[in-house]
């Protein structure tokens, strides 16, 4: 299993409780960051404060198993 750390809280988050194959978060292709679901609101607040990222959503699922 891949060990992925959230770029915001620096916590290694495990699998999604509803799907053990997926990480409990997403990869933002625009910012090239892994974001756990707990930090999602913070991530978008920081992302949209930067002009070049306003209105862009590029969440991708991350397979860990």
Protein backbone atom coordinates (compact mmCIF):
# COMPACT_ATOMS: atom_id res chain seq x y z
CA UNK A 1 0.00 0.00 0.00
CA UNK A 2 1.28 3.47 -0.89
CA UNK A 3 1.81 5.81 2.05
CA UNK A 4 0.71 9.27 0.95
CA UNK A 5 1.06 12.39 3.06
CA UNK A 6 -1.40 15.30 2.83
CA UNK A 7 0.39 18.45 1.64
CA UNK A 8 -1.53 20.58 4.15
CA UNK A 9 -1.68 18.70 7.48
CA UNK A 10 1.36 16.47 6.71
CA UNK A 11 -0.55 13.44 8.01
CA UNK A 12 -0.25 10.06 6.33
CA UNK A 13 -3.85 9.24 5.55
CA UNK A 14 -4.86 5.68 4.79
CA UNK A 15 -7.56 4.15 2.67
CA UNK A 16 -11.05 5.50 2.22
CA UNK A 17 -13.34 3.68 4.69
CA UNK A 18 -15.81 3.02 1.87
CA UNK A 19 -13.22 1.73 -0.62
CA UNK A 20 -9.92 0.20 0.55
CA UNK A 21 -8.42 0.58 -2.91
CA UNK A 22 -8.57 4.38 -2.82
CA UNK A 23 -6.75 6.95 -0.72
CA UNK A 24 -8.96 9.00 1.62
CA UNK A 25 -8.35 12.18 -0.32
CA UNK A 26 -7.47 13.33 -3.84
CA UNK A 27 -4.69 14.63 -6.03
CA UNK A 28 -5.13 18.18 -7.31
CA UNK A 29 -3.54 18.28 -10.74
CA UNK A 30 -3.53 22.10 -10.89
CA UNK A 31 -1.46 22.55 -7.72
CA UNK A 32 0.23 19.11 -7.86
CA UNK A 33 -0.77 18.42 -4.25
CA UNK A 34 -2.26 15.48 -2.38
CA UNK A 35 -5.11 16.64 -0.16
CA UNK A 36 -6.88 14.59 2.51
CA UNK A 37 -10.63 15.08 2.78
CA UNK A 38 -10.23 16.80 6.16
CA UNK A 39 -8.15 19.54 4.52
CA UNK A 40 -10.32 19.98 1.41
CA UNK A 41 -11.92 23.28 2.56
CA UNK A 42 -8.52 24.72 3.52
CA UNK A 43 -7.02 23.55 0.22
CA UNK A 44 -9.64 25.32 -1.87
CA UNK A 45 -9.41 28.46 0.25
CA UNK A 46 -5.65 28.63 -0.39
CA UNK A 47 -5.96 27.55 -4.02
CA UNK A 48 -8.59 30.13 -4.94
CA UNK A 49 -6.66 32.92 -3.22
CA UNK A 50 -4.20 32.59 -6.12
CA UNK A 51 -5.45 34.24 -9.31
CA UNK A 52 -4.17 31.54 -11.69
CA UNK A 53 -6.17 28.81 -9.91
CA UNK A 54 -9.51 30.55 -9.40
CA UNK A 55 -12.40 28.42 -10.57
CA UNK A 56 -10.26 25.41 -11.45
CA UNK A 57 -11.18 21.99 -10.09
CA UNK A 58 -8.99 19.02 -10.95
CA UNK A 59 -9.55 16.36 -8.30
CA UNK A 60 -8.30 12.90 -9.19
CA UNK A 61 -8.77 9.71 -7.19
CA UNK A 62 -5.57 8.10 -5.92
CA UNK A 63 -5.27 4.31 -6.05
CA UNK A 64 -3.21 2.97 -3.13
CA UNK A 65 -3.57 -0.81 -3.36
